[in-house]
Amino acid sequence: MSKLIKIFYQSKLIKQAPQYQPQNWQKISSIFYINETMFLFLSGIIEEKLITEI
């Protein structure tokens, strides 16, 4: 069952590509409908995260 959650994160890919990183891209905020499998996948690629259920 999917949950609506809000994820604040800094992507490792963005950190590895500073030439594409605007100075104000300290954090990116996204809202996803995700299931547990996708959550585990995102947890693997997101370095710093604050996840809250809406």
PDB file of N, CA and C in Angstrom:
ATOM      1  N   MET A   1       0.850  -1.189   0.000  1.00  0.00           N
ATOM      2  CA  MET A   1       0.000   0.000   0.000  1.00  0.00           C
ATOM      3  C   MET A   1       0.889   1.243   0.000  1.00  0.00           C
ATOM      4  N   SER A   2       0.590   2.143  -0.891  1.00  0.00           N
ATOM      5  CA  SER A   2       1.403   3.349  -1.008  1.00  0.00           C
ATOM      6  C   SER A   2       0.982   4.382   0.026  1.00  0.00           C
ATOM      7  N   LYS A   3       1.946   5.159   0.453  1.00  0.00           N
ATOM      8  CA  LYS A   3       1.681   6.247   1.372  1.00  0.00           C
ATOM      9  C   LYS A   3       2.117   7.541   0.716  1.00  0.00           C
ATOM     10  N   LEU A   4       1.414   8.621   1.065  1.00  0.00           N
ATOM     11  CA  LEU A   4       1.840   9.940   0.600  1.00  0.00           C
ATOM     12  C   LEU A   4       2.835  10.484   1.613  1.00  0.00           C
ATOM     13  N   ILE A   5       4.060  10.646   1.190  1.00  0.00           N
ATOM     14  CA  ILE A   5       5.072  11.182   2.084  1.00  0.00           C
ATOM     15  C   ILE A   5       5.799  12.321   1.395  1.00  0.00           C
ATOM     16  N   LYS A   6       6.416  13.151   2.196  1.00  0.00           N
ATOM     17  CA  LYS A   6       7.221  14.246   1.664  1.00  0.00           C
ATOM     18  C   LYS A   6       8.673  13.943   2.015  1.00  0.00           C
ATOM     19  N   ILE A   7       9.529  14.040   1.027  1.00  0.00           N
ATOM     20  CA  ILE A   7      10.937  13.704   1.210  1.00  0.00           C
ATOM     21  C   ILE A   7      11.769  14.945   0.939  1.00  0.00           C
ATOM     22  N   PHE A   8      12.581  15.307   1.908  1.00  0.00           N
ATOM     23  CA  PHE A   8      13.567  16.368   1.726  1.00  0.00           C
ATOM     24  C   PHE A   8      14.922  15.676   1.604  1.00  0.00           C
ATOM     25  N   TYR A   9      15.651  15.978   0.577  1.00  0.00           N
ATOM     26  CA  TYR A   9      16.872  15.206   0.396  1.00  0.00           C
ATOM     27  C   TYR A   9      17.937  15.997  -0.359  1.00  0.00           C
ATOM     28  N   GLN A  10      19.151  15.526  -0.206  1.00  0.00           N
ATOM     29  CA  GLN A  10      20.256  15.957  -1.045  1.00  0.00           C
ATOM     30  C   GLN A  10      20.724  14.725  -1.801  1.00  0.00           C
ATOM     31  N   SER A  11      20.686  14.804  -3.096  1.00  0.00           N
ATOM     32  CA  SER A  11      21.016  13.652  -3.921  1.00  0.00           C
ATOM     33  C   SER A  11      22.519  13.500  -4.071  1.00  0.00           C
ATOM     34  N   LYS A  12      22.986  12.243  -3.980  1.00  0.00           N
ATOM     35  CA  LYS A  12      24.401  11.979  -4.228  1.00  0.00           C
ATOM     36  C   LYS A  12      24.767  12.345  -5.669  1.00  0.00           C
ATOM     37  N   LEU A  13      23.840  12.127  -6.596  1.00  0.00           N
ATOM     38  CA  LEU A  13      24.132  12.445  -7.992  1.00  0.00           C
ATOM     39  C   LEU A  13      24.344  13.936  -8.177  1.00  0.00           C
ATOM     40  N   ILE A  14      23.548  14.738  -7.477  1.00  0.00           N
ATOM     41  CA  ILE A  14      23.724  16.187  -7.583  1.00  0.00           C
ATOM     42  C   ILE A  14      25.063  16.597  -6.977  1.00  0.00           C
ATOM     43  N   LYS A  15      25.422  15.985  -5.836  1.00  0.00           N
ATOM     44  CA  LYS A  15      26.708  16.317  -5.224  1.00  0.00           C
ATOM     45  C   LYS A  15      27.874  15.927  -6.121  1.00  0.00           C
ATOM     46  N   GLN A  16      27.686  14.878  -6.927  1.00  0.00           N
ATOM     47  CA  GLN A  16      28.762  14.424  -7.800  1.00  0.00           C
ATOM     48  C   GLN A  16      28.845  15.250  -9.086  1.00  0.00           C
ATOM     49  N   ALA A  17      27.839  16.075  -9.337  1.00  0.00           N
ATOM     50  CA  ALA A  17      27.836  16.884 -10.557  1.00  0.00           C
ATOM     51  C   ALA A  17      27.646  18.353 -10.198  1.00  0.00           C
ATOM     52  N   PRO A  18      28.629  18.964  -9.523  1.00  0.00           N
ATOM     53  CA  PRO A  18      28.461  20.344  -9.057  1.00  0.00           C
ATOM     54  C   PRO A  18      28.265  21.341 -10.187  1.00  0.00           C
ATOM     55  N   GLN A  19      28.705  20.999 -11.397  1.00  0.00           N
ATOM     56  CA  GLN A  19      28.531  21.932 -12.499  1.00  0.00           C
ATOM     57  C   GLN A  19      27.054  22.110 -12.855  1.00  0.00           C
ATOM     58  N   TYR A  20      26.225  21.144 -12.451  1.00  0.00           N
ATOM     59  CA  TYR A  20      24.794  21.249 -12.703  1.00  0.00           C
ATOM     60  C   TYR A  20      24.032  21.703 -11.466  1.00  0.00           C
ATOM     61  N   GLN A  21      24.748  22.040 -10.415  1.00  0.00           N
ATOM     62  CA  GLN A  21      24.102  22.359  -9.145  1.00  0.00           C
ATOM     63  C   GLN A  21      24.033  23.859  -8.922  1.00  0.00           C
ATOM     64  N   PRO A  22      22.841  24.439  -9.031  1.00  0.00           N
ATOM     65  CA  PRO A  22      22.701  25.859  -8.706  1.00  0.00           C
ATOM     66  C   PRO A  22      23.067  26.107  -7.249  1.00  0.00           C
ATOM     67  N   GLN A  23      23.518  27.301  -6.955  1.00  0.00           N
ATOM     68  CA  GLN A  23      23.940  27.615  -5.589  1.00  0.00           C
ATOM     69  C   GLN A  23      22.809  27.455  -4.592  1.00  0.00           C
ATOM     70  N   ASN A  24      21.569  27.667  -5.037  1.00  0.00           N
ATOM     71  CA  ASN A  24      20.450  27.595  -4.104  1.00  0.00           C
ATOM     72  C   ASN A  24      19.838  26.203  -4.013  1.00  0.00           C
ATOM     73  N   TRP A  25      20.489  25.211  -4.623  1.00  0.00           N
ATOM     74  CA  TRP A  25      19.977  23.846  -4.547  1.00  0.00           C
ATOM     75  C   TRP A  25      20.530  23.129  -3.326  1.00  0.00           C
ATOM     76  N   GLN A  26      20.358  23.707  -2.165  1.00  0.00           N
ATOM     77  CA  GLN A  26      20.828  23.032  -0.956  1.00  0.00           C
ATOM     78  C   GLN A  26      19.954  21.827  -0.643  1.00  0.00           C
ATOM     79  N   LYS A  27      18.661  21.988  -0.826  1.00  0.00           N
ATOM     80  CA  LYS A  27      17.749  20.880  -0.595  1.00  0.00           C
ATOM     81  C   LYS A  27      16.679  20.868  -1.678  1.00  0.00           C
ATOM     82  N   ILE A  28      16.234  19.696  -2.008  1.00  0.00           N
ATOM     83  CA  ILE A  28      15.162  19.506  -2.973  1.00  0.00           C
ATOM     84  C   ILE A  28      14.008  18.867  -2.218  1.00  0.00           C
ATOM     85  N   SER A  29      12.825  19.366  -2.448  1.00  0.00           N
ATOM     86  CA  SER A  29      11.657  18.823  -1.771  1.00  0.00           C
ATOM     87  C   SER A  29      10.762  18.165  -2.807  1.00  0.00           C
ATOM     88  N   SER A  30      10.345  16.945  -2.534  1.00  0.00           N
ATOM     89  CA  SER A  30       9.473  16.228  -3.449  1.00  0.00           C
ATOM     90  C   SER A  30       8.408  15.497  -2.669  1.00  0.00           C
ATOM     91  N   ILE A  31       7.278  15.292  -3.313  1.00  0.00           N
ATOM     92  CA  ILE A  31       6.193  14.516  -2.721  1.00  0.00           C
ATOM     93  C   ILE A  31       5.962  13.307  -3.621  1.00  0.00           C
ATOM     94  N   PHE A  32       5.952  12.127  -3.020  1.00  0.00           N
ATOM     95  CA  PHE A  32       5.787  10.896  -3.776  1.00  0.00           C
ATOM     96  C   PHE A  32       4.681  10.034  -3.180  1.00  0.00           C
ATOM     97  N   TYR A  33       3.990   9.319  -4.039  1.00  0.00           N
ATOM     98  CA  TYR A  33       3.253   8.141  -3.601  1.00  0.00           C
ATOM     99  C   TYR A  33       4.208   6.970  -3.811  1.00  0.00           C
ATOM    100  N   ILE A  34       4.599   6.329  -2.739  1.00  0.00           N
ATOM    101  CA  ILE A  34       5.567   5.246  -2.886  1.00  0.00           C
ATOM    102  C   ILE A  34       5.142   4.040  -2.059  1.00  0.00           C
ATOM    103  N   ASN A  35       5.661   2.890  -2.461  1.00  0.00           N
ATOM    104  CA  ASN A  35       5.461   1.689  -1.664  1.00  0.00           C
ATOM    105  C   ASN A  35       6.766   1.364  -0.944  1.00  0.00           C
ATOM    106  N   GLU A  36       6.751   0.293  -0.187  1.00  0.00           N
ATOM    107  CA  GLU A  36       7.904  -0.011   0.652  1.00  0.00           C
ATOM    108  C   GLU A  36       9.149  -0.301  -0.181  1.00  0.00           C
ATOM    109  N   THR A  37       8.969  -0.987  -1.304  1.00  0.00           N
ATOM    110  CA  THR A  37      10.110  -1.305  -2.157  1.00  0.00           C
ATOM    111  C   THR A  37      10.754  -0.040  -2.699  1.00  0.00           C
ATOM    112  N   MET A  38       9.931   0.881  -3.155  1.00  0.00           N
ATOM    113  CA  MET A  38      10.464   2.131  -3.679  1.00  0.00           C
ATOM    114  C   MET A  38      11.124   2.938  -2.573  1.00  0.00           C
ATOM    115  N   PHE A  39      10.564   2.865  -1.366  1.00  0.00           N
ATOM    116  CA  PHE A  39      11.183   3.565  -0.246  1.00  0.00           C
ATOM    117  C   PHE A  39      12.596   3.046  -0.001  1.00  0.00           C
ATOM    118  N   LEU A  40      12.752   1.729  -0.046  1.00  0.00           N
ATOM    119  CA  LEU A  40      14.075   1.157   0.165  1.00  0.00           C
ATOM    120  C   LEU A  40      15.020   1.581  -0.952  1.00  0.00           C
ATOM    121  N   PHE A  41      14.517   1.644  -2.181  1.00  0.00           N
ATOM    122  CA  PHE A  41      15.339   2.081  -3.302  1.00  0.00           C
ATOM    123  C   PHE A  41      15.771   3.531  -3.108  1.00  0.00           C
ATOM    124  N   LEU A  42      14.820   4.392  -2.763  1.00  0.00           N
ATOM    125  CA  LEU A  42      15.150   5.798  -2.564  1.00  0.00           C
ATOM    126  C   LEU A  42      16.117   5.971  -1.400  1.00  0.00           C
ATOM    127  N   SER A  43      15.945   5.177  -0.354  1.00  0.00           N
ATOM    128  CA  SER A  43      16.841   5.268   0.795  1.00  0.00           C
ATOM    129  C   SER A  43      18.276   4.957   0.388  1.00  0.00           C
ATOM    130  N   GLY A  44      18.431   4.108  -0.637  1.00  0.00           N
ATOM    131  CA  GLY A  44      19.759   3.760  -1.090  1.00  0.00           C
ATOM    132  C   GLY A  44      20.435   4.871  -1.870  1.00  0.00           C
ATOM    133  N   ILE A  45      19.655   5.751  -2.509  1.00  0.00           N
ATOM    134  CA  ILE A  45      20.263   6.792  -3.341  1.00  0.00           C
ATOM    135  C   ILE A  45      20.202   8.162  -2.704  1.00  0.00           C
ATOM    136  N   ILE A  46      19.471   8.280  -1.606  1.00  0.00           N
ATOM    137  CA  ILE A  46      19.363   9.576  -0.940  1.00  0.00           C
ATOM    138  C   ILE A  46      20.306   9.594   0.252  1.00  0.00           C
ATOM    139  N   GLU A  47      21.184  10.578   0.279  1.00  0.00           N
ATOM    140  CA  GLU A  47      22.210  10.619   1.309  1.00  0.00           C
ATOM    141  C   GLU A  47      21.662  11.175   2.619  1.00  0.00           C
ATOM    142  N   GLU A  48      21.033  12.315   2.547  1.00  0.00           N
ATOM    143  CA  GLU A  48      20.478  12.935   3.740  1.00  0.00           C
ATOM    144  C   GLU A  48      18.991  13.107   3.491  1.00  0.00           C
ATOM    145  N   LYS A  49      18.192  12.628   4.426  1.00  0.00           N
ATOM    146  CA  LYS A  49      16.768  12.701   4.165  1.00  0.00           C
ATOM    147  C   LYS A  49      15.993  12.948   5.455  1.00  0.00           C
ATOM    148  N   LEU A  50      14.903  13.636   5.298  1.00  0.00           N
ATOM    149  CA  LEU A  50      13.942  13.815   6.377  1.00  0.00           C
ATOM    150  C   LEU A  50      12.607  13.444   5.772  1.00  0.00           C
ATOM    151  N   ILE A  51      12.045  12.349   6.235  1.00  0.00           N
ATOM    152  CA  ILE A  51      10.822  11.836   5.635  1.00  0.00           C
ATOM    153  C   ILE A  51       9.687  11.987   6.629  1.00  0.00           C
ATOM    154  N   THR A  52       8.611  12.593   6.184  1.00  0.00           N
ATOM    155  CA  THR A  52       7.460  12.776   7.050  1.00  0.00           C
ATOM    156  C   THR A  52       6.210  12.370   6.289  1.00  0.00           C
ATOM    157  N   GLU A  53       5.306  11.717   6.975  1.00  0.00           N
ATOM    158  CA  GLU A  53       4.020  11.393   6.369  1.00  0.00           C
ATOM    159  C   GLU A  53       3.138  12.624   6.424  1.00  0.00           C
ATOM    160  N   ILE A  54       2.379  12.820   5.356  1.00  0.00           N
ATOM    161  CA  ILE A  54       1.489  13.977   5.305  1.00  0.00           C
ATOM    162  C   ILE A  54       0.126  13.548   5.830  1.00  0.00           C
TER     163      ILE A  54
END
